[in-house]
Amino acid sequence: MNFTELALERQSVRKYIPKEVELDKINDIVEACRIAPSASNSQPWKIIIVNEPKLKNEVAEATYINAISFNKFTPDAGAIAVFVIEKPKFITQVGGFLKNREFPLIDIGIVSEHFCLKSTELGLGTCMIGWFDEKKIKSLLNIPRKKRIGLVISLGYAPDDYKLRKKIRKTTEEMSSFNKYE
């Protein structure tokens, strides 16, 4: 499949079947992440793949609260990836300070999209999760107190009848322009 087909097929999957994600597929996904670009090649991330069932369920439970209905699908995922923000190279830190840019956050966005696109190519579904109890996940996974979690991504197999949703996006004219801001 070409890139546009892959991008159109990738969607946030919020329903999974109880099936373990094969280790060779996880390794392929991690390799796709390893080659992701980053500012000054800092690679300011550590990806923790949580696939041990009991621990995975505990991490999944830290992505929702009972009073709010979103993210309750996460325990059904075969695995969960936790993206920890690492310290970038000194030159990236200086550049970020001088230009008031959070390069590690940009880099986490890039590597997480590599994660999701490779997963899609392998027939797996993903959902990027920004709502989570960081303190609880850090405790569960022994992440040092001073580290930050940038993103959590569920990973697994969607049911066969899970429909590919039509992508509703702005028109190219609404989201882009040439040579000036319009």
Protein backbone atom coordinates (compact mmCIF):
# COMPACT_ATOMS: atom_id res chain seq x y z
CA MET A 1 0.00 0.00 0.00
CA ASN A 2 1.25 3.50 -0.72
CA PHE A 3 1.60 6.24 1.89
CA THR A 4 -1.74 7.94 1.19
CA GLU A 5 -3.58 4.61 1.46
CA LEU A 6 -1.78 3.88 4.73
CA ALA A 7 -2.61 7.34 6.13
CA LEU A 8 -6.26 6.94 5.14
CA GLU A 9 -6.43 3.51 6.77
CA ARG A 10 -4.88 4.65 10.07
CA GLN A 11 -7.56 5.66 12.55
CA SER A 12 -8.06 5.76 16.29
CA VAL A 13 -9.30 2.30 17.26
CA ARG A 14 -11.49 2.24 20.34
CA LYS A 15 -12.55 -1.40 20.31
CA TYR A 16 -10.25 -4.40 20.49
CA ILE A 17 -10.64 -8.17 20.48
CA PRO A 18 -8.86 -10.13 23.23
CA LYS A 19 -5.82 -11.22 21.25
CA GLU A 20 -2.16 -10.95 22.15
CA VAL A 21 -0.01 -8.84 19.85
CA GLU A 22 2.81 -10.97 18.47
CA LEU A 23 6.31 -10.07 19.65
CA ASP A 24 7.69 -9.96 16.10
CA LYS A 25 5.09 -7.31 15.20
CA ILE A 26 5.92 -5.30 18.32
CA ASN A 27 9.61 -5.49 17.41
CA ASP A 28 8.84 -4.26 13.86
CA ILE A 29 6.92 -1.32 15.33
CA VAL A 30 9.74 -0.48 17.74
CA GLU A 31 12.21 -0.60 14.84
CA ALA A 32 10.03 1.86 12.89
CA CYS A 33 10.19 4.12 15.94
CA ARG A 34 13.95 3.72 16.24
CA ILE A 35 14.49 5.23 12.80
CA ALA A 36 12.16 8.20 13.39
CA PRO A 37 13.79 11.61 12.96
CA SER A 38 14.24 14.02 15.85
CA ALA A 39 15.77 17.45 16.50
CA SER A 40 19.58 17.13 16.36
CA ASN A 41 18.99 13.35 16.31
CA SER A 42 18.40 13.55 20.08
CA GLN A 43 15.86 10.72 20.07
CA PRO A 44 14.44 12.06 23.35
CA TRP A 45 12.17 9.13 24.11
CA LYS A 46 12.01 5.80 25.86
CA ILE A 47 9.14 3.59 24.75
CA ILE A 48 7.86 1.12 27.31
CA ILE A 49 5.78 -1.66 25.77
CA VAL A 50 3.42 -3.06 28.37
CA ASN A 51 2.14 -6.48 27.31
CA GLU A 52 2.16 -8.50 30.53
CA PRO A 53 -1.64 -8.88 31.01
CA LYS A 54 -1.99 -7.89 34.69
CA LEU A 55 0.36 -4.90 34.42
CA LYS A 56 -1.17 -3.87 31.08
CA ASN A 57 -4.62 -3.81 32.70
CA GLU A 58 -3.33 -1.70 35.59
CA VAL A 59 -1.80 0.81 33.16
CA ALA A 60 -5.00 0.75 31.09
CA GLU A 61 -7.07 1.55 34.17
CA ALA A 62 -4.88 4.63 34.69
CA THR A 63 -6.14 6.04 31.37
CA TYR A 64 -9.70 6.66 32.54
CA ILE A 65 -11.87 7.36 35.54
CA ASN A 66 -15.27 5.81 36.07
CA ALA A 67 -17.06 9.17 35.99
CA ILE A 68 -15.91 9.80 32.41
CA SER A 69 -16.71 7.29 29.69
CA PHE A 70 -13.76 7.75 27.32
CA ASN A 71 -10.74 5.41 27.16
CA LYS A 72 -12.58 2.50 28.82
CA PHE A 73 -11.58 0.39 25.81
CA THR A 74 -7.91 0.34 26.82
CA PRO A 75 -8.01 -2.84 28.95
CA ASP A 76 -9.09 -4.76 25.83
CA ALA A 77 -5.97 -3.72 23.89
CA GLY A 78 -3.29 -6.38 23.51
CA ALA A 79 -0.55 -3.98 24.59
CA ILE A 80 0.00 -0.40 25.63
CA ALA A 81 2.97 1.78 24.71
CA VAL A 82 4.09 4.50 27.10
CA PHE A 83 6.29 7.22 25.59
CA VAL A 84 8.59 8.75 28.20
CA ILE A 85 10.24 12.07 27.35
CA GLU A 86 14.00 11.91 27.72
CA LYS A 87 16.49 14.76 27.90
CA PRO A 88 17.54 15.91 24.41
CA LYS A 89 21.08 16.71 23.36
CA PHE A 90 22.56 19.91 24.76
CA ILE A 91 22.42 21.69 21.38
CA THR A 92 18.69 20.87 21.14
CA GLN A 93 18.13 22.22 24.65
CA VAL A 94 19.93 25.47 23.77
CA GLY A 95 18.03 25.80 20.50
CA GLY A 96 14.75 25.13 22.25
CA PHE A 97 15.49 27.75 24.87
CA LEU A 98 16.56 30.38 22.32
CA LYS A 99 13.61 29.72 20.01
CA ASN A 100 11.05 28.97 22.75
CA ARG A 101 10.31 25.55 21.26
CA GLU A 102 9.60 22.24 22.99
CA PHE A 103 11.53 20.05 20.55
CA PRO A 104 11.09 16.83 22.61
CA LEU A 105 7.29 17.22 22.35
CA ILE A 106 7.57 17.62 18.59
CA ASP A 107 9.81 14.56 18.49
CA ILE A 108 7.34 12.50 20.56
CA GLY A 109 4.68 13.43 17.99
CA ILE A 110 6.88 12.23 15.14
CA VAL A 111 7.87 8.92 16.77
CA SER A 112 4.31 8.18 17.87
CA GLU A 113 3.06 8.63 14.31
CA HIS A 114 5.75 6.17 13.15
CA PHE A 115 4.37 3.80 15.81
CA CYS A 116 0.79 4.20 14.60
CA LEU A 117 1.51 4.00 10.88
CA LYS A 118 3.68 0.89 11.21
CA SER A 119 1.02 -0.71 13.39
CA THR A 120 -1.60 0.01 10.74
CA GLU A 121 0.62 -1.48 8.05
CA LEU A 122 0.85 -4.66 10.16
CA GLY A 123 -2.95 -4.91 10.53
CA LEU A 124 -3.08 -3.55 14.08
CA GLY A 125 -5.12 -0.73 15.53
CA THR A 126 -3.90 2.09 17.76
CA CYS A 127 -5.28 5.00 19.70
CA MET A 128 -3.22 7.89 21.01
CA ILE A 129 -4.26 8.66 24.58
CA GLY A 130 -3.52 11.99 26.17
CA TRP A 131 -5.73 11.57 29.24
CA PHE A 132 -3.97 9.42 31.85
CA ASP A 133 -2.90 9.38 35.47
CA GLU A 134 0.79 10.08 35.00
CA LYS A 135 1.70 9.56 38.64
CA LYS A 136 0.07 6.13 38.73
CA ILE A 137 1.63 4.95 35.46
CA LYS A 138 5.05 6.18 36.55
CA SER A 139 4.70 4.21 39.76
CA LEU A 140 3.52 1.05 37.96
CA LEU A 141 6.39 1.15 35.44
CA ASN A 142 9.18 2.41 37.74
CA ILE A 143 9.59 5.58 35.71
CA PRO A 144 11.79 8.07 37.60
CA ARG A 145 9.88 10.84 39.35
CA LYS A 146 11.51 13.64 37.33
CA LYS A 147 10.62 12.08 33.96
CA ARG A 148 7.44 13.00 32.07
CA ILE A 149 5.16 10.76 30.06
CA GLY A 150 4.45 12.39 26.72
CA LEU A 151 1.84 10.00 25.37
CA VAL A 152 0.21 6.60 25.83
CA ILE A 153 -0.88 4.50 22.84
CA SER A 154 -3.14 1.45 22.91
CA LEU A 155 -2.25 -1.33 20.48
CA GLY A 156 -4.21 -4.37 19.40
CA TYR A 157 -6.51 -6.06 16.96
CA ALA A 158 -9.81 -4.42 16.06
CA PRO A 159 -12.81 -6.69 15.44
CA ASP A 160 -13.35 -7.72 11.80
CA ASP A 161 -16.53 -5.64 11.66
CA TYR A 162 -14.81 -2.46 12.93
CA LYS A 163 -15.57 0.04 10.21
CA LEU A 164 -13.07 2.37 8.66
CA ARG A 165 -14.53 5.80 9.36
CA LYS A 166 -14.63 8.52 6.75
CA LYS A 167 -12.01 11.11 7.57
CA ILE A 168 -13.58 14.50 8.08
CA ARG A 169 -10.89 17.09 7.60
CA LYS A 170 -10.60 20.73 6.63
CA THR A 171 -10.19 21.39 2.93
CA THR A 172 -6.67 22.00 1.66
CA GLU A 173 -7.61 25.66 1.17
CA GLU A 174 -8.66 25.94 4.83
CA MET A 175 -5.54 24.33 6.23
CA SER A 176 -2.83 25.61 3.90
CA SER A 177 -1.76 28.56 1.82
CA PHE A 178 1.14 29.59 -0.38
CA ASN A 179 3.62 32.35 0.39
CA LYS A 180 1.60 34.10 3.13
CA TYR A 181 -0.86 33.46 5.95
CA GLU A 182 -4.40 33.58 4.65
